Amino acid sequence: MNQSEIPEVDVTALPADAYVIDVREADEWAAGHAPDAVFLPMSQITGRVAEIPNDRTVYVMCHSGARSAQVAQWLNLQGFDAVNVAGGILAWAGNGRPVVA
């Protein structure tokens, strides 16, 4: 699976009930994140993969969309239905979506 094959969604098209995983590190998370996002740092994904639901689509977010694309790709290779959130928290906040710290 190459970069162009990774499913991606714009924040404006994210379902209201989306299960969003934020893969940034603790300091980035503390600075501001989507209200309903689940904090699961990229550095911990392999050890905590059992915490990720495999019965629904998961949307993966980071700062700008690069790390989350890598995580989404890896999750898809593990059999998950994972979609990268294009533009990450920058696009989220840039579209006026709420951010909590």
PDB file of N, CA and C in Angstrom:
ATOM      1  N   MET A   1       0.867  -1.182   0.000  1.00  0.00           N
ATOM      2  CA  MET A   1       0.000   0.000   0.000  1.00  0.00           C
ATOM      3  C   MET A   1       0.904   1.232   0.000  1.00  0.00           C
ATOM      4  N   ASN A   2       0.766   2.049  -1.023  1.00  0.00           N
ATOM      5  CA  ASN A   2       1.572   3.267  -1.049  1.00  0.00           C
ATOM      6  C   ASN A   2       0.743   4.450  -0.554  1.00  0.00           C
ATOM      7  N   GLN A   3       1.406   5.602  -0.428  1.00  0.00           N
ATOM      8  CA  GLN A   3       0.781   6.798   0.146  1.00  0.00           C
ATOM      9  C   GLN A   3      -0.525   7.159  -0.560  1.00  0.00           C
ATOM     10  N   SER A   4      -0.585   6.998  -1.875  1.00  0.00           N
ATOM     11  CA  SER A   4      -1.783   7.390  -2.616  1.00  0.00           C
ATOM     12  C   SER A   4      -2.957   6.435  -2.378  1.00  0.00           C
ATOM     13  N   GLU A   5      -2.685   5.257  -1.804  1.00  0.00           N
ATOM     14  CA  GLU A   5      -3.748   4.282  -1.558  1.00  0.00           C
ATOM     15  C   GLU A   5      -4.329   4.391  -0.154  1.00  0.00           C
ATOM     16  N   ILE A   6      -3.815   5.291   0.670  1.00  0.00           N
ATOM     17  CA  ILE A   6      -4.301   5.443   2.030  1.00  0.00           C
ATOM     18  C   ILE A   6      -5.604   6.236   1.992  1.00  0.00           C
ATOM     19  N   PRO A   7      -6.694   5.659   2.484  1.00  0.00           N
ATOM     20  CA  PRO A   7      -7.966   6.396   2.498  1.00  0.00           C
ATOM     21  C   PRO A   7      -7.813   7.694   3.301  1.00  0.00           C
ATOM     22  N   GLU A   8      -8.411   8.752   2.801  1.00  0.00           N
ATOM     23  CA  GLU A   8      -8.285  10.053   3.447  1.00  0.00           C
ATOM     24  C   GLU A   8      -9.624  10.783   3.384  1.00  0.00           C
ATOM     25  N   VAL A   9      -9.892  11.577   4.426  1.00  0.00           N
ATOM     26  CA  VAL A   9     -11.121  12.358   4.466  1.00  0.00           C
ATOM     27  C   VAL A   9     -10.778  13.779   4.893  1.00  0.00           C
ATOM     28  N   ASP A  10     -11.482  14.723   4.330  1.00  0.00           N
ATOM     29  CA  ASP A  10     -11.352  16.123   4.732  1.00  0.00           C
ATOM     30  C   ASP A  10     -12.131  16.304   6.031  1.00  0.00           C
ATOM     31  N   VAL A  11     -11.662  17.185   6.908  1.00  0.00           N
ATOM     32  CA  VAL A  11     -12.361  17.387   8.185  1.00  0.00           C
ATOM     33  C   VAL A  11     -13.812  17.805   7.986  1.00  0.00           C
ATOM     34  N   THR A  12     -14.119  18.474   6.889  1.00  0.00           N
ATOM     35  CA  THR A  12     -15.490  18.909   6.640  1.00  0.00           C
ATOM     36  C   THR A  12     -16.408  17.739   6.295  1.00  0.00           C
ATOM     37  N   ALA A  13     -15.825  16.594   5.926  1.00  0.00           N
ATOM     38  CA  ALA A  13     -16.614  15.418   5.560  1.00  0.00           C
ATOM     39  C   ALA A  13     -16.570  14.332   6.634  1.00  0.00           C
ATOM     40  N   LEU A  14     -15.950  14.640   7.760  1.00  0.00           N
ATOM     41  CA  LEU A  14     -15.849  13.676   8.859  1.00  0.00           C
ATOM     42  C   LEU A  14     -17.229  13.441   9.458  1.00  0.00           C
ATOM     43  N   PRO A  15     -17.658  12.176   9.590  1.00  0.00           N
ATOM     44  CA  PRO A  15     -18.970  11.904  10.180  1.00  0.00           C
ATOM     45  C   PRO A  15     -19.068  12.456  11.610  1.00  0.00           C
ATOM     46  N   ALA A  16     -20.240  12.879  12.001  1.00  0.00           N
ATOM     47  CA  ALA A  16     -20.452  13.456  13.334  1.00  0.00           C
ATOM     48  C   ALA A  16     -20.104  12.471  14.445  1.00  0.00           C
ATOM     49  N   ASP A  17     -20.311  11.181  14.192  1.00  0.00           N
ATOM     50  CA  ASP A  17     -20.034  10.165  15.210  1.00  0.00           C
ATOM     51  C   ASP A  17     -18.703   9.451  14.968  1.00  0.00           C
ATOM     52  N   ALA A  18     -17.795  10.098  14.257  1.00  0.00           N
ATOM     53  CA  ALA A  18     -16.515   9.481  13.904  1.00  0.00           C
ATOM     54  C   ALA A  18     -15.713   9.094  15.143  1.00  0.00           C
ATOM     55  N   TYR A  19     -15.075   7.939  15.095  1.00  0.00           N
ATOM     56  CA  TYR A  19     -14.151   7.506  16.144  1.00  0.00           C
ATOM     57  C   TYR A  19     -12.778   8.031  15.716  1.00  0.00           C
ATOM     58  N   VAL A  20     -12.340   9.109  16.349  1.00  0.00           N
ATOM     59  CA  VAL A  20     -11.094   9.774  15.966  1.00  0.00           C
ATOM     60  C   VAL A  20      -9.982   9.417  16.937  1.00  0.00           C
ATOM     61  N   ILE A  21      -8.879   8.959  16.398  1.00  0.00           N
ATOM     62  CA  ILE A  21      -7.684   8.661  17.184  1.00  0.00           C
ATOM     63  C   ILE A  21      -6.660   9.751  16.896  1.00  0.00           C
ATOM     64  N   ASP A  22      -6.179  10.412  17.944  1.00  0.00           N
ATOM     65  CA  ASP A  22      -5.154  11.439  17.809  1.00  0.00           C
ATOM     66  C   ASP A  22      -3.824  10.780  18.148  1.00  0.00           C
ATOM     67  N   VAL A  23      -2.922  10.714  17.177  1.00  0.00           N
ATOM     68  CA  VAL A  23      -1.658   9.994  17.345  1.00  0.00           C
ATOM     69  C   VAL A  23      -0.472  10.897  17.664  1.00  0.00           C
ATOM     70  N   ARG A  24      -0.749  12.150  18.006  1.00  0.00           N
ATOM     71  CA  ARG A  24       0.341  13.058  18.379  1.00  0.00           C
ATOM     72  C   ARG A  24       0.878  12.688  19.757  1.00  0.00           C
ATOM     73  N   GLU A  25       1.956  13.315  20.152  1.00  0.00           N
ATOM     74  CA  GLU A  25       2.551  13.033  21.455  1.00  0.00           C
ATOM     75  C   GLU A  25       1.873  13.868  22.543  1.00  0.00           C
ATOM     76  N   ALA A  26       2.164  13.555  23.801  1.00  0.00           N
ATOM     77  CA  ALA A  26       1.460  14.129  24.953  1.00  0.00           C
ATOM     78  C   ALA A  26       1.476  15.654  24.980  1.00  0.00           C
ATOM     79  N   ASP A  27       2.602  16.276  24.659  1.00  0.00           N
ATOM     80  CA  ASP A  27       2.669  17.741  24.701  1.00  0.00           C
ATOM     81  C   ASP A  27       1.778  18.363  23.628  1.00  0.00           C
ATOM     82  N   GLU A  28       1.697  17.724  22.470  1.00  0.00           N
ATOM     83  CA  GLU A  28       0.839  18.227  21.397  1.00  0.00           C
ATOM     84  C   GLU A  28      -0.635  18.066  21.777  1.00  0.00           C
ATOM     85  N   TRP A  29      -0.960  16.922  22.349  1.00  0.00           N
ATOM     86  CA  TRP A  29      -2.328  16.645  22.797  1.00  0.00           C
ATOM     87  C   TRP A  29      -2.748  17.680  23.828  1.00  0.00           C
ATOM     88  N   ALA A  30      -1.875  17.950  24.804  1.00  0.00           N
ATOM     89  CA  ALA A  30      -2.182  18.899  25.876  1.00  0.00           C
ATOM     90  C   ALA A  30      -2.390  20.311  25.341  1.00  0.00           C
ATOM     91  N   ALA A  31      -1.720  20.649  24.247  1.00  0.00           N
ATOM     92  CA  ALA A  31      -1.832  21.989  23.667  1.00  0.00           C
ATOM     93  C   ALA A  31      -3.189  22.210  23.008  1.00  0.00           C
ATOM     94  N   GLY A  32      -3.873  21.135  22.635  1.00  0.00           N
ATOM     95  CA  GLY A  32      -5.194  21.258  22.030  1.00  0.00           C
ATOM     96  C   GLY A  32      -5.531  20.079  21.142  1.00  0.00           C
ATOM     97  N   HIS A  33      -6.747  19.559  21.308  1.00  0.00           N
ATOM     98  CA  HIS A  33      -7.193  18.405  20.529  1.00  0.00           C
ATOM     99  C   HIS A  33      -8.697  18.465  20.294  1.00  0.00           C
ATOM    100  N   ALA A  34      -9.151  17.630  19.381  1.00  0.00           N
ATOM    101  CA  ALA A  34     -10.583  17.523  19.109  1.00  0.00           C
ATOM    102  C   ALA A  34     -11.266  16.976  20.367  1.00  0.00           C
ATOM    103  N   PRO A  35     -12.422  17.522  20.744  1.00  0.00           N
ATOM    104  CA  PRO A  35     -13.078  17.156  21.999  1.00  0.00           C
ATOM    105  C   PRO A  35     -13.326  15.662  22.205  1.00  0.00           C
ATOM    106  N   ASP A  36     -13.727  14.950  21.181  1.00  0.00           N
ATOM    107  CA  ASP A  36     -14.077  13.533  21.335  1.00  0.00           C
ATOM    108  C   ASP A  36     -12.978  12.585  20.863  1.00  0.00           C
ATOM    109  N   ALA A  37     -11.816  13.118  20.536  1.00  0.00           N
ATOM    110  CA  ALA A  37     -10.720  12.271  20.056  1.00  0.00           C
ATOM    111  C   ALA A  37     -10.187  11.384  21.171  1.00  0.00           C
ATOM    112  N   VAL A  38      -9.661  10.235  20.773  1.00  0.00           N
ATOM    113  CA  VAL A  38      -9.028   9.297  21.692  1.00  0.00           C
ATOM    114  C   VAL A  38      -7.520   9.491  21.549  1.00  0.00           C
ATOM    115  N   PHE A  39      -6.841   9.708  22.673  1.00  0.00           N
ATOM    116  CA  PHE A  39      -5.402   9.940  22.667  1.00  0.00           C
ATOM    117  C   PHE A  39      -4.659   8.612  22.629  1.00  0.00           C
ATOM    118  N   LEU A  40      -3.958   8.366  21.527  1.00  0.00           N
ATOM    119  CA  LEU A  40      -3.181   7.148  21.352  1.00  0.00           C
ATOM    120  C   LEU A  40      -1.933   7.496  20.545  1.00  0.00           C
ATOM    121  N   PRO A  41      -0.869   7.923  21.224  1.00  0.00           N
ATOM    122  CA  PRO A  41       0.337   8.378  20.521  1.00  0.00           C
ATOM    123  C   PRO A  41       0.884   7.348  19.538  1.00  0.00           C
ATOM    124  N   MET A  42       1.401   7.846  18.434  1.00  0.00           N
ATOM    125  CA  MET A  42       1.978   6.987  17.400  1.00  0.00           C
ATOM    126  C   MET A  42       3.018   6.043  18.005  1.00  0.00           C
ATOM    127  N   SER A  43       3.795   6.538  18.956  1.00  0.00           N
ATOM    128  CA  SER A  43       4.852   5.727  19.566  1.00  0.00           C
ATOM    129  C   SER A  43       4.307   4.562  20.380  1.00  0.00           C
ATOM    130  N   GLN A  44       3.000   4.550  20.664  1.00  0.00           N
ATOM    131  CA  GLN A  44       2.395   3.490  21.473  1.00  0.00           C
ATOM    132  C   GLN A  44       1.416   2.605  20.693  1.00  0.00           C
ATOM    133  N   ILE A  45       1.209   2.905  19.426  1.00  0.00           N
ATOM    134  CA  ILE A  45       0.189   2.198  18.630  1.00  0.00           C
ATOM    135  C   ILE A  45       0.375   0.684  18.657  1.00  0.00           C
ATOM    136  N   THR A  46       1.571   0.207  18.381  1.00  0.00           N
ATOM    137  CA  THR A  46       1.756  -1.248  18.273  1.00  0.00           C
ATOM    138  C   THR A  46       1.458  -1.958  19.590  1.00  0.00           C
ATOM    139  N   GLY A  47       1.784  -1.340  20.711  1.00  0.00           N
ATOM    140  CA  GLY A  47       1.535  -1.953  22.006  1.00  0.00           C
ATOM    141  C   GLY A  47       0.111  -1.811  22.507  1.00  0.00           C
ATOM    142  N   ARG A  48      -0.649  -0.902  21.900  1.00  0.00           N
ATOM    143  CA  ARG A  48      -2.015  -0.640  22.365  1.00  0.00           C
ATOM    144  C   ARG A  48      -3.063  -0.881  21.281  1.00  0.00           C
ATOM    145  N   VAL A  49      -2.676  -1.601  20.248  1.00  0.00           N
ATOM    146  CA  VAL A  49      -3.573  -1.820  19.110  1.00  0.00           C
ATOM    147  C   VAL A  49      -4.869  -2.511  19.527  1.00  0.00           C
ATOM    148  N   ALA A  50      -4.843  -3.291  20.593  1.00  0.00           N
ATOM    149  CA  ALA A  50      -6.053  -3.980  21.057  1.00  0.00           C
ATOM    150  C   ALA A  50      -7.124  -3.004  21.546  1.00  0.00           C
ATOM    151  N   GLU A  51      -6.732  -1.768  21.844  1.00  0.00           N
ATOM    152  CA  GLU A  51      -7.685  -0.754  22.296  1.00  0.00           C
ATOM    153  C   GLU A  51      -8.484  -0.128  21.149  1.00  0.00           C
ATOM    154  N   ILE A  52      -8.068  -0.385  19.918  1.00  0.00           N
ATOM    155  CA  ILE A  52      -8.700   0.235  18.755  1.00  0.00           C
ATOM    156  C   ILE A  52      -9.845  -0.651  18.275  1.00  0.00           C
ATOM    157  N   PRO A  53     -11.047  -0.074  18.118  1.00  0.00           N
ATOM    158  CA  PRO A  53     -12.177  -0.901  17.668  1.00  0.00           C
ATOM    159  C   PRO A  53     -11.967  -1.390  16.234  1.00  0.00           C
ATOM    160  N   ASN A  54     -12.294  -2.660  16.013  1.00  0.00           N
ATOM    161  CA  ASN A  54     -12.146  -3.198  14.656  1.00  0.00           C
ATOM    162  C   ASN A  54     -13.501  -3.472  14.013  1.00  0.00           C
ATOM    163  N   ASP A  55     -14.564  -2.945  14.642  1.00  0.00           N
ATOM    164  CA  ASP A  55     -15.901  -3.154  14.106  1.00  0.00           C
ATOM    165  C   ASP A  55     -16.476  -1.880  13.483  1.00  0.00           C
ATOM    166  N   ARG A  56     -15.634  -0.880  13.304  1.00  0.00           N
ATOM    167  CA  ARG A  56     -16.076   0.380  12.695  1.00  0.00           C
ATOM    168  C   ARG A  56     -14.873   1.094  12.097  1.00  0.00           C
ATOM    169  N   THR A  57     -15.136   2.092  11.295  1.00  0.00           N
ATOM    170  CA  THR A  57     -14.065   2.902  10.716  1.00  0.00           C
ATOM    171  C   THR A  57     -13.448   3.765  11.803  1.00  0.00           C
ATOM    172  N   VAL A  58     -12.123   3.836  11.805  1.00  0.00           N
ATOM    173  CA  VAL A  58     -11.423   4.730  12.715  1.00  0.00           C
ATOM    174  C   VAL A  58     -10.747   5.809  11.877  1.00  0.00           C
ATOM    175  N   TYR A  59     -10.806   7.031  12.377  1.00  0.00           N
ATOM    176  CA  TYR A  59     -10.234   8.179  11.690  1.00  0.00           C
ATOM    177  C   TYR A  59      -9.005   8.609  12.468  1.00  0.00           C
ATOM    178  N   VAL A  60      -7.864   8.710  11.781  1.00  0.00           N
ATOM    179  CA  VAL A  60      -6.590   8.958  12.434  1.00  0.00           C
ATOM    180  C   VAL A  60      -6.132  10.382  12.156  1.00  0.00           C
ATOM    181  N   MET A  61      -5.789  11.107  13.235  1.00  0.00           N
ATOM    182  CA  MET A  61      -5.426  12.523  13.137  1.00  0.00           C
ATOM    183  C   MET A  61      -4.091  12.770  13.819  1.00  0.00           C
ATOM    184  N   CYS A  62      -3.321  13.697  13.265  1.00  0.00           N
ATOM    185  CA  CYS A  62      -2.093  14.168  13.908  1.00  0.00           C
ATOM    186  C   CYS A  62      -2.059  15.684  13.763  1.00  0.00           C
ATOM    187  N   HIS A  63      -0.885  16.251  13.657  1.00  0.00           N
ATOM    188  CA  HIS A  63      -0.770  17.708  13.541  1.00  0.00           C
ATOM    189  C   HIS A  63      -1.152  18.185  12.134  1.00  0.00           C
ATOM    190  N   SER A  64      -0.553  17.549  11.123  1.00  0.00           N
ATOM    191  CA  SER A  64      -0.784  18.009   9.752  1.00  0.00           C
ATOM    192  C   SER A  64      -1.262  16.926   8.788  1.00  0.00           C
ATOM    193  N   GLY A  65      -1.240  15.684   9.227  1.00  0.00           N
ATOM    194  CA  GLY A  65      -1.710  14.595   8.371  1.00  0.00           C
ATOM    195  C   GLY A  65      -0.643  13.618   7.937  1.00  0.00           C
ATOM    196  N   ALA A  66       0.623  13.887   8.232  1.00  0.00           N
ATOM    197  CA  ALA A  66       1.707  13.004   7.797  1.00  0.00           C
ATOM    198  C   ALA A  66       1.834  11.763   8.677  1.00  0.00           C
ATOM    199  N   ARG A  67       1.954  11.960   9.988  1.00  0.00           N
ATOM    200  CA  ARG A  67       2.073  10.809  10.891  1.00  0.00           C
ATOM    201  C   ARG A  67       0.797   9.976  10.877  1.00  0.00           C
ATOM    202  N   SER A  68      -0.340  10.642  10.835  1.00  0.00           N
ATOM    203  CA  SER A  68      -1.603   9.907  10.835  1.00  0.00           C
ATOM    204  C   SER A  68      -1.757   9.069   9.566  1.00  0.00           C
ATOM    205  N   ALA A  69      -1.205   9.527   8.457  1.00  0.00           N
ATOM    206  CA  ALA A  69      -1.248   8.734   7.225  1.00  0.00           C
ATOM    207  C   ALA A  69      -0.448   7.447   7.408  1.00  0.00           C
ATOM    208  N   GLN A  70       0.700   7.545   8.066  1.00  0.00           N
ATOM    209  CA  GLN A  70       1.519   6.355   8.326  1.00  0.00           C
ATOM    210  C   GLN A  70       0.779   5.381   9.234  1.00  0.00           C
ATOM    211  N   VAL A  71       0.141   5.914  10.281  1.00  0.00           N
ATOM    212  CA  VAL A  71      -0.593   5.057  11.215  1.00  0.00           C
ATOM    213  C   VAL A  71      -1.804   4.434  10.518  1.00  0.00           C
ATOM    214  N   ALA A  72      -2.541   5.216   9.738  1.00  0.00           N
ATOM    215  CA  ALA A  72      -3.696   4.678   9.015  1.00  0.00           C
ATOM    216  C   ALA A  72      -3.261   3.564   8.067  1.00  0.00           C
ATOM    217  N   GLN A  73      -2.157   3.771   7.387  1.00  0.00           N
ATOM    218  CA  GLN A  73      -1.642   2.748   6.480  1.00  0.00           C
ATOM    219  C   GLN A  73      -1.322   1.468   7.261  1.00  0.00           C
ATOM    220  N   TRP A  74      -0.631   1.600   8.372  1.00  0.00           N
ATOM    221  CA  TRP A  74      -0.265   0.439   9.185  1.00  0.00           C
ATOM    222  C   TRP A  74      -1.516  -0.270   9.707  1.00  0.00           C
ATOM    223  N   LEU A  75      -2.487   0.506  10.211  1.00  0.00           N
ATOM    224  CA  LEU A  75      -3.714  -0.094  10.727  1.00  0.00           C
ATOM    225  C   LEU A  75      -4.458  -0.863   9.635  1.00  0.00           C
ATOM    226  N   ASN A  76      -4.517  -0.298   8.439  1.00  0.00           N
ATOM    227  CA  ASN A  76      -5.184  -0.993   7.333  1.00  0.00           C
ATOM    228  C   ASN A  76      -4.481  -2.304   7.006  1.00  0.00           C
ATOM    229  N   LEU A  77      -3.154  -2.305   7.090  1.00  0.00           N
ATOM    230  CA  LEU A  77      -2.399  -3.538   6.845  1.00  0.00           C
ATOM    231  C   LEU A  77      -2.658  -4.579   7.939  1.00  0.00           C
ATOM    232  N   GLN A  78      -3.085  -4.133   9.110  1.00  0.00           N
ATOM    233  CA  GLN A  78      -3.419  -5.041  10.219  1.00  0.00           C
ATOM    234  C   GLN A  78      -4.877  -5.494  10.151  1.00  0.00           C
ATOM    235  N   GLY A  79      -5.625  -5.021   9.161  1.00  0.00           N
ATOM    236  CA  GLY A  79      -7.012  -5.454   8.992  1.00  0.00           C
ATOM    237  C   GLY A  79      -8.058  -4.469   9.493  1.00  0.00           C
ATOM    238  N   PHE A  80      -7.635  -3.300   9.948  1.00  0.00           N
ATOM    239  CA  PHE A  80      -8.582  -2.278  10.398  1.00  0.00           C
ATOM    240  C   PHE A  80      -9.102  -1.488   9.200  1.00  0.00           C
ATOM    241  N   ASP A  81     -10.201  -0.785   9.410  1.00  0.00           N
ATOM    242  CA  ASP A  81     -10.730   0.155   8.426  1.00  0.00           C
ATOM    243  C   ASP A  81     -10.331   1.534   8.943  1.00  0.00           C
ATOM    244  N   ALA A  82      -9.173   2.021   8.510  1.00  0.00           N
ATOM    245  CA  ALA A  82      -8.621   3.279   9.014  1.00  0.00           C
ATOM    246  C   ALA A  82      -8.522   4.316   7.900  1.00  0.00           C
ATOM    247  N   VAL A  83      -8.873   5.549   8.258  1.00  0.00           N
ATOM    248  CA  VAL A  83      -8.883   6.654   7.308  1.00  0.00           C
ATOM    249  C   VAL A  83      -8.068   7.808   7.898  1.00  0.00           C
ATOM    250  N   ASN A  84      -7.200   8.376   7.100  1.00  0.00           N
ATOM    251  CA  ASN A  84      -6.412   9.531   7.526  1.00  0.00           C
ATOM    252  C   ASN A  84      -7.260  10.801   7.460  1.00  0.00           C
ATOM    253  N   VAL A  85      -7.147  11.631   8.483  1.00  0.00           N
ATOM    254  CA  VAL A  85      -7.824  12.932   8.482  1.00  0.00           C
ATOM    255  C   VAL A  85      -6.859  13.936   7.851  1.00  0.00           C
ATOM    256  N   ALA A  86      -7.189  14.371   6.638  1.00  0.00           N
ATOM    257  CA  ALA A  86      -6.319  15.270   5.883  1.00  0.00           C
ATOM    258  C   ALA A  86      -6.101  16.590   6.625  1.00  0.00           C
ATOM    259  N   GLY A  87      -4.854  16.988   6.729  1.00  0.00           N
ATOM    260  CA  GLY A  87      -4.539  18.276   7.336  1.00  0.00           C
ATOM    261  C   GLY A  87      -4.480  18.271   8.851  1.00  0.00           C
ATOM    262  N   GLY A  88      -4.880  17.170   9.476  1.00  0.00           N
ATOM    263  CA  GLY A  88      -4.780  17.019  10.923  1.00  0.00           C
ATOM    264  C   GLY A  88      -5.484  18.094  11.738  1.00  0.00           C
ATOM    265  N   ILE A  89      -4.949  18.336  12.929  1.00  0.00           N
ATOM    266  CA  ILE A  89      -5.555  19.318  13.836  1.00  0.00           C
ATOM    267  C   ILE A  89      -5.477  20.725  13.249  1.00  0.00           C
ATOM    268  N   LEU A  90      -4.484  20.971  12.388  1.00  0.00           N
ATOM    269  CA  LEU A  90      -4.397  22.285  11.739  1.00  0.00           C
ATOM    270  C   LEU A  90      -5.642  22.534  10.884  1.00  0.00           C
ATOM    271  N   ALA A  91      -6.044  21.541  10.111  1.00  0.00           N
ATOM    272  CA  ALA A  91      -7.243  21.680   9.276  1.00  0.00           C
ATOM    273  C   ALA A  91      -8.493  21.703  10.145  1.00  0.00           C
ATOM    274  N   TRP A  92      -8.489  20.888  11.193  1.00  0.00           N
ATOM    275  CA  TRP A  92      -9.621  20.838  12.128  1.00  0.00           C
ATOM    276  C   TRP A  92      -9.890  22.232  12.690  1.00  0.00           C
ATOM    277  N   ALA A  93      -8.885  22.826  13.304  1.00  0.00           N
ATOM    278  CA  ALA A  93      -9.028  24.162  13.902  1.00  0.00           C
ATOM    279  C   ALA A  93      -9.267  25.222  12.834  1.00  0.00           C
ATOM    280  N   GLY A  94      -8.610  25.054  11.692  1.00  0.00           N
ATOM    281  CA  GLY A  94      -8.762  26.002  10.603  1.00  0.00           C
ATOM    282  C   GLY A  94     -10.165  26.050  10.031  1.00  0.00           C
ATOM    283  N   ASN A  95     -10.914  24.968  10.248  1.00  0.00           N
ATOM    284  CA  ASN A  95     -12.307  24.910   9.786  1.00  0.00           C
ATOM    285  C   ASN A  95     -13.286  25.289  10.895  1.00  0.00           C
ATOM    286  N   GLY A  96     -12.761  25.863  11.971  1.00  0.00           N
ATOM    287  CA  GLY A  96     -13.616  26.331  13.055  1.00  0.00           C
ATOM    288  C   GLY A  96     -14.149  25.256  13.963  1.00  0.00           C
ATOM    289  N   ARG A  97     -13.589  24.061  13.883  1.00  0.00           N
ATOM    290  CA  ARG A  97     -14.024  22.972  14.761  1.00  0.00           C
ATOM    291  C   ARG A  97     -13.482  23.237  16.167  1.00  0.00           C
ATOM    292  N   PRO A  98     -14.191  22.794  17.207  1.00  0.00           N
ATOM    293  CA  PRO A  98     -13.740  23.060  18.576  1.00  0.00           C
ATOM    294  C   PRO A  98     -12.451  22.340  18.926  1.00  0.00           C
ATOM    295  N   VAL A  99     -11.628  23.000  19.709  1.00  0.00           N
ATOM    296  CA  VAL A  99     -10.373  22.430  20.194  1.00  0.00           C
ATOM    297  C   VAL A  99     -10.350  22.639  21.704  1.00  0.00           C
ATOM    298  N   VAL A 100     -10.038  21.574  22.439  1.00  0.00           N
ATOM    299  CA  VAL A 100      -9.939  21.663  23.889  1.00  0.00           C
ATOM    300  C   VAL A 100      -8.506  21.384  24.318  1.00  0.00           C
ATOM    301  N   ALA A 101      -8.109  22.034  25.398  1.00  0.00           N
ATOM    302  CA  ALA A 101      -6.739  21.844  25.905  1.00  0.00           C
ATOM    303  C   ALA A 101      -6.795  21.293  27.310  1.00  0.00           C
TER     304      ALA A 101
END
